[in-house]
């Protein structure tokens, strides 16, 4: 009987020696798979961020053109074929995700507005945008240019 016990103990040790490397290799494989999944997610996130940065820098270059189109329209110089081109430029930048913002009267928000002139008024109870000097633009959640405004404080 003592030989059977020893044989079983030796067999158990042999099985344990085989299982331990398999378990270790399985754990290593699982860790590598998790690291690769995290790497792939990080690369996708970085690509999306790089794409967003490139798009916002290109759209930023269009802001001066859009300002010129606004001035031309306010002076009545936007007519004929030039109007069609202006409408296409505006439609294209809007389709690409450029959003124009800034309305009067809005509450002043220093995160999205840049106050260029300051007034006081008895008509307002909080600091309020009274006039938009230059509209603000954003792409997705990124502010490309704050709205440049005149604000009124309560007296």
C-alpha atoms as a PDB file:
ATOM      1  CA  UNK A   1       0.000   0.000   0.000  1.00  0.00           C
ATOM      2  CA  UNK A   2       2.792   2.359   0.708  1.00  0.00           C
ATOM      3  CA  UNK A   3       3.842   2.025  -2.900  1.00  0.00           C
ATOM      4  CA  UNK A   4       0.347   3.028  -4.096  1.00  0.00           C
ATOM      5  CA  UNK A   5       0.359   6.114  -1.925  1.00  0.00           C
ATOM      6  CA  UNK A   6       3.751   7.139  -3.187  1.00  0.00           C
ATOM      7  CA  UNK A   7       2.689   6.537  -6.766  1.00  0.00           C
ATOM      8  CA  UNK A   8      -0.415   8.683  -6.256  1.00  0.00           C
ATOM      9  CA  UNK A   9       1.632  11.447  -4.619  1.00  0.00           C
ATOM     10  CA  UNK A  10       4.111  11.384  -7.475  1.00  0.00           C
ATOM     11  CA  UNK A  11       1.257  11.459  -9.991  1.00  0.00           C
ATOM     12  CA  UNK A  12      -0.333  14.413  -8.167  1.00  0.00           C
ATOM     13  CA  UNK A  13       2.963  16.284  -8.238  1.00  0.00           C
ATOM     14  CA  UNK A  14       3.332  15.581 -11.946  1.00  0.00           C
ATOM     15  CA  UNK A  15      -0.191  16.844 -12.628  1.00  0.00           C
ATOM     16  CA  UNK A  16       0.476  19.945 -10.509  1.00  0.00           C
ATOM     17  CA  UNK A  17       3.694  20.603 -12.429  1.00  0.00           C
ATOM     18  CA  UNK A  18       1.797  20.353 -15.727  1.00  0.00           C
ATOM     19  CA  UNK A  19      -1.157  22.491 -14.533  1.00  0.00           C
ATOM     20  CA  UNK A  20       0.991  25.265 -13.048  1.00  0.00           C
ATOM     21  CA  UNK A  21       2.768  26.102 -16.335  1.00  0.00           C
ATOM     22  CA  UNK A  22      -0.551  25.908 -18.196  1.00  0.00           C
ATOM     23  CA  UNK A  23      -2.172  28.210 -15.647  1.00  0.00           C
ATOM     24  CA  UNK A  24       0.775  30.587 -15.794  1.00  0.00           C
ATOM     25  CA  UNK A  25       0.733  30.633 -19.591  1.00  0.00           C
ATOM     26  CA  UNK A  26      -3.046  31.174 -19.600  1.00  0.00           C
ATOM     27  CA  UNK A  27      -2.690  34.102 -17.218  1.00  0.00           C
ATOM     28  CA  UNK A  28       0.113  35.568 -19.358  1.00  0.00           C
ATOM     29  CA  UNK A  29      -2.057  35.224 -22.458  1.00  0.00           C
ATOM     30  CA  UNK A  30      -5.003  36.906 -20.739  1.00  0.00           C
ATOM     31  CA  UNK A  31      -2.776  39.765 -19.554  1.00  0.00           C
ATOM     32  CA  UNK A  32      -1.354  40.249 -23.059  1.00  0.00           C
ATOM     33  CA  UNK A  33      -4.848  40.249 -24.549  1.00  0.00           C
ATOM     34  CA  UNK A  34      -5.958  42.911 -22.044  1.00  0.00           C
ATOM     35  CA  UNK A  35      -2.855  45.016 -22.771  1.00  0.00           C
ATOM     36  CA  UNK A  36      -3.505  44.755 -26.518  1.00  0.00           C
ATOM     37  CA  UNK A  37      -7.179  45.720 -26.092  1.00  0.00           C
ATOM     38  CA  UNK A  38      -6.126  48.761 -24.041  1.00  0.00           C
ATOM     39  CA  UNK A  39      -3.493  49.657 -26.656  1.00  0.00           C
ATOM     40  CA  UNK A  40      -6.063  49.434 -29.459  1.00  0.00           C
ATOM     41  CA  UNK A  41      -8.527  51.644 -27.537  1.00  0.00           C
ATOM     42  CA  UNK A  42      -5.788  54.199 -26.835  1.00  0.00           C
ATOM     43  CA  UNK A  43      -4.743  54.283 -30.502  1.00  0.00           C
ATOM     44  CA  UNK A  44      -8.360  54.749 -31.640  1.00  0.00           C
ATOM     45  CA  UNK A  45      -8.830  57.559 -29.109  1.00  0.00           C
ATOM     46  CA  UNK A  46      -5.583  59.234 -30.225  1.00  0.00           C
ATOM     47  CA  UNK A  47      -6.598  58.971 -33.890  1.00  0.00           C
ATOM     48  CA  UNK A  48      -9.989  60.525 -33.176  1.00  0.00           C
ATOM     49  CA  UNK A  49      -8.347  63.328 -31.194  1.00  0.00           C
ATOM     50  CA  UNK A  50      -5.787  63.968 -33.957  1.00  0.00           C
ATOM     51  CA  UNK A  51      -8.569  64.064 -36.533  1.00  0.00           C
ATOM     52  CA  UNK A  52     -10.519  66.534 -34.391  1.00  0.00           C
ATOM     53  CA  UNK A  53      -7.480  68.768 -33.923  1.00  0.00           C
ATOM     54  CA  UNK A  54      -6.783  68.832 -37.666  1.00  0.00           C
ATOM     55  CA  UNK A  55     -10.419  69.588 -38.525  1.00  0.00           C
ATOM     56  CA  UNK A  56     -10.619  72.367 -35.931  1.00  0.00           C
ATOM     57  CA  UNK A  57      -7.382  73.968 -37.183  1.00  0.00           C
ATOM     58  CA  UNK A  58      -8.688  73.965 -40.770  1.00  0.00           C
ATOM     59  CA  UNK A  59     -12.048  75.372 -39.677  1.00  0.00           C
ATOM     60  CA  UNK A  60     -10.246  78.023 -37.616  1.00  0.00           C
ATOM     61  CA  UNK A  61      -8.674  79.320 -40.828  1.00  0.00           C
ATOM     62  CA  UNK A  62     -12.171  79.863 -42.253  1.00  0.00           C
ATOM     63  CA  UNK A  63     -13.236  82.203 -39.424  1.00  0.00           C
ATOM     64  CA  UNK A  64     -11.729  85.294 -41.065  1.00  0.00           C
ATOM     65  CA  UNK A  65     -13.522  84.430 -44.316  1.00  0.00           C
ATOM     66  CA  UNK A  66     -16.825  83.974 -42.478  1.00  0.00           C
ATOM     67  CA  UNK A  67     -16.302  87.355 -40.747  1.00  0.00           C
ATOM     68  CA  UNK A  68     -15.691  89.001 -44.126  1.00  0.00           C
ATOM     69  CA  UNK A  69     -18.870  87.406 -45.491  1.00  0.00           C
ATOM     70  CA  UNK A  70     -20.831  88.748 -42.485  1.00  0.00           C
ATOM     71  CA  UNK A  71     -19.455  92.254 -43.035  1.00  0.00           C
ATOM     72  CA  UNK A  72     -20.222  92.098 -46.759  1.00  0.00           C
ATOM     73  CA  UNK A  73     -23.795  91.057 -46.024  1.00  0.00           C
ATOM     74  CA  UNK A  74     -24.269  93.780 -43.398  1.00  0.00           C
ATOM     75  CA  UNK A  75     -23.150  96.381 -45.973  1.00  0.00           C
ATOM     76  CA  UNK A  76     -25.406  94.964 -48.684  1.00  0.00           C
ATOM     77  CA  UNK A  77     -22.488  93.838 -50.849  1.00  0.00           C
ATOM     78  CA  UNK A  78     -23.430  90.168 -50.852  1.00  0.00           C
ATOM     79  CA  UNK A  79     -25.391  89.667 -54.072  1.00  0.00           C
ATOM     80  CA  UNK A  80     -25.478  87.624 -57.254  1.00  0.00           C
ATOM     81  CA  UNK A  81     -22.907  84.891 -57.755  1.00  0.00           C
ATOM     82  CA  UNK A  82     -20.946  86.027 -54.733  1.00  0.00           C
ATOM     83  CA  UNK A  83     -23.999  85.294 -52.544  1.00  0.00           C
ATOM     84  CA  UNK A  84     -24.136  81.727 -53.897  1.00  0.00           C
ATOM     85  CA  UNK A  85     -20.444  81.195 -53.121  1.00  0.00           C
ATOM     86  CA  UNK A  86     -20.912  82.643 -49.619  1.00  0.00           C
ATOM     87  CA  UNK A  87     -23.880  80.364 -48.966  1.00  0.00           C
ATOM     88  CA  UNK A  88     -21.850  77.338 -50.115  1.00  0.00           C
ATOM     89  CA  UNK A  89     -18.958  78.251 -47.815  1.00  0.00           C
ATOM     90  CA  UNK A  90     -21.309  78.680 -44.863  1.00  0.00           C
ATOM     91  CA  UNK A  91     -23.160  75.430 -45.658  1.00  0.00           C
ATOM     92  CA  UNK A  92     -19.905  73.498 -46.002  1.00  0.00           C
ATOM     93  CA  UNK A  93     -18.430  74.718 -42.731  1.00  0.00           C
ATOM     94  CA  UNK A  94     -21.725  73.989 -40.975  1.00  0.00           C
ATOM     95  CA  UNK A  95     -21.854  70.492 -42.460  1.00  0.00           C
ATOM     96  CA  UNK A  96     -18.287  69.878 -41.235  1.00  0.00           C
ATOM     97  CA  UNK A  97     -19.419  70.711 -37.693  1.00  0.00           C
ATOM     98  CA  UNK A  98     -18.550  74.383 -37.238  1.00  0.00           C
ATOM     99  CA  UNK A  99     -21.159  76.008 -35.007  1.00  0.00           C
ATOM    100  CA  UNK A 100     -21.723  79.727 -34.713  1.00  0.00           C
ATOM    101  CA  UNK A 101     -22.925  81.015 -31.350  1.00  0.00           C
ATOM    102  CA  UNK A 102     -23.647  84.252 -29.553  1.00  0.00           C
ATOM    103  CA  UNK A 103     -26.985  85.975 -29.201  1.00  0.00           C
ATOM    104  CA  UNK A 104     -28.055  89.128 -27.460  1.00  0.00           C
ATOM    105  CA  UNK A 105     -29.465  89.188 -24.831  1.00  0.00           C
ATOM    106  CA  UNK A 106     -27.763  86.172 -23.228  1.00  0.00           C
ATOM    107  CA  UNK A 107     -26.258  85.898 -19.790  1.00  0.00           C
ATOM    108  CA  UNK A 108     -22.542  86.597 -19.912  1.00  0.00           C
ATOM    109  CA  UNK A 109     -20.413  83.459 -19.638  1.00  0.00           C
ATOM    110  CA  UNK A 110     -16.658  84.125 -19.478  1.00  0.00           C
ATOM    111  CA  UNK A 111     -15.981  80.611 -20.791  1.00  0.00           C
ATOM    112  CA  UNK A 112     -17.582  81.357 -24.160  1.00  0.00           C
ATOM    113  CA  UNK A 113     -17.710  85.174 -24.305  1.00  0.00           C
ATOM    114  CA  UNK A 114     -14.974  87.787 -24.429  1.00  0.00           C
ATOM    115  CA  UNK A 115     -16.182  91.122 -23.106  1.00  0.00           C
ATOM    116  CA  UNK A 116     -14.702  93.963 -25.139  1.00  0.00           C
ATOM    117  CA  UNK A 117     -16.929  96.771 -23.825  1.00  0.00           C
ATOM    118  CA  UNK A 118     -18.575  97.152 -20.451  1.00  0.00           C
ATOM    119  CA  UNK A 119     -21.683  99.193 -19.633  1.00  0.00           C
ATOM    120  CA  UNK A 120     -24.109  99.542 -16.746  1.00  0.00           C
ATOM    121  CA  UNK A 121     -27.851  99.373 -17.128  1.00  0.00           C
ATOM    122  CA  UNK A 122     -30.910  99.401 -14.911  1.00  0.00           C
ATOM    123  CA  UNK A 123     -32.641  97.034 -17.353  1.00  0.00           C
ATOM    124  CA  UNK A 124     -30.567  93.983 -16.389  1.00  0.00           C
ATOM    125  CA  UNK A 125     -30.366  92.016 -13.145  1.00  0.00           C
ATOM    126  CA  UNK A 126     -27.251  90.001 -14.031  1.00  0.00           C
ATOM    127  CA  UNK A 127     -24.267  90.611 -16.296  1.00  0.00           C
ATOM    128  CA  UNK A 128     -25.827  90.310 -19.739  1.00  0.00           C
ATOM    129  CA  UNK A 129     -24.585  90.340 -23.317  1.00  0.00           C
ATOM    130  CA  UNK A 130     -26.174  93.361 -24.994  1.00  0.00           C
ATOM    131  CA  UNK A 131     -24.458  93.280 -28.383  1.00  0.00           C
ATOM    132  CA  UNK A 132     -22.436  90.777 -30.405  1.00  0.00           C
ATOM    133  CA  UNK A 133     -19.397  92.455 -31.950  1.00  0.00           C
ATOM    134  CA  UNK A 134     -18.029  89.245 -33.424  1.00  0.00           C
ATOM    135  CA  UNK A 135     -19.767  85.851 -33.213  1.00  0.00           C
ATOM    136  CA  UNK A 136     -18.118  82.921 -31.504  1.00  0.00           C
ATOM    137  CA  UNK A 137     -17.435  79.601 -33.169  1.00  0.00           C
ATOM    138  CA  UNK A 138     -16.981  76.106 -31.819  1.00  0.00           C
ATOM    139  CA  UNK A 139     -16.225  72.715 -33.284  1.00  0.00           C
ATOM    140  CA  UNK A 140     -17.783  69.883 -31.310  1.00  0.00           C
ATOM    141  CA  UNK A 141     -17.073  70.941 -27.711  1.00  0.00           C
ATOM    142  CA  UNK A 142     -13.922  72.931 -28.526  1.00  0.00           C
ATOM    143  CA  UNK A 143     -14.226  76.729 -28.569  1.00  0.00           C
ATOM    144  CA  UNK A 144     -12.349  77.966 -31.634  1.00  0.00           C
ATOM    145  CA  UNK A 145     -13.057  81.605 -30.909  1.00  0.00           C
ATOM    146  CA  UNK A 146     -15.061  83.163 -28.088  1.00  0.00           C
ATOM    147  CA  UNK A 147     -17.888  85.507 -29.014  1.00  0.00           C
ATOM    148  CA  UNK A 148     -16.643  89.101 -28.652  1.00  0.00           C
ATOM    149  CA  UNK A 149     -19.397  91.042 -26.966  1.00  0.00           C
ATOM    150  CA  UNK A 150     -20.584  94.166 -25.177  1.00  0.00           C
ATOM    151  CA  UNK A 151     -21.864  93.407 -21.689  1.00  0.00           C
ATOM    152  CA  UNK A 152     -24.079  95.330 -19.302  1.00  0.00           C
ATOM    153  CA  UNK A 153     -23.888  95.064 -15.529  1.00  0.00           C
ATOM    154  CA  UNK A 154     -26.788  95.986 -13.235  1.00  0.00           C
ATOM    155  CA  UNK A 155     -26.557  99.430 -11.659  1.00  0.00           C
END
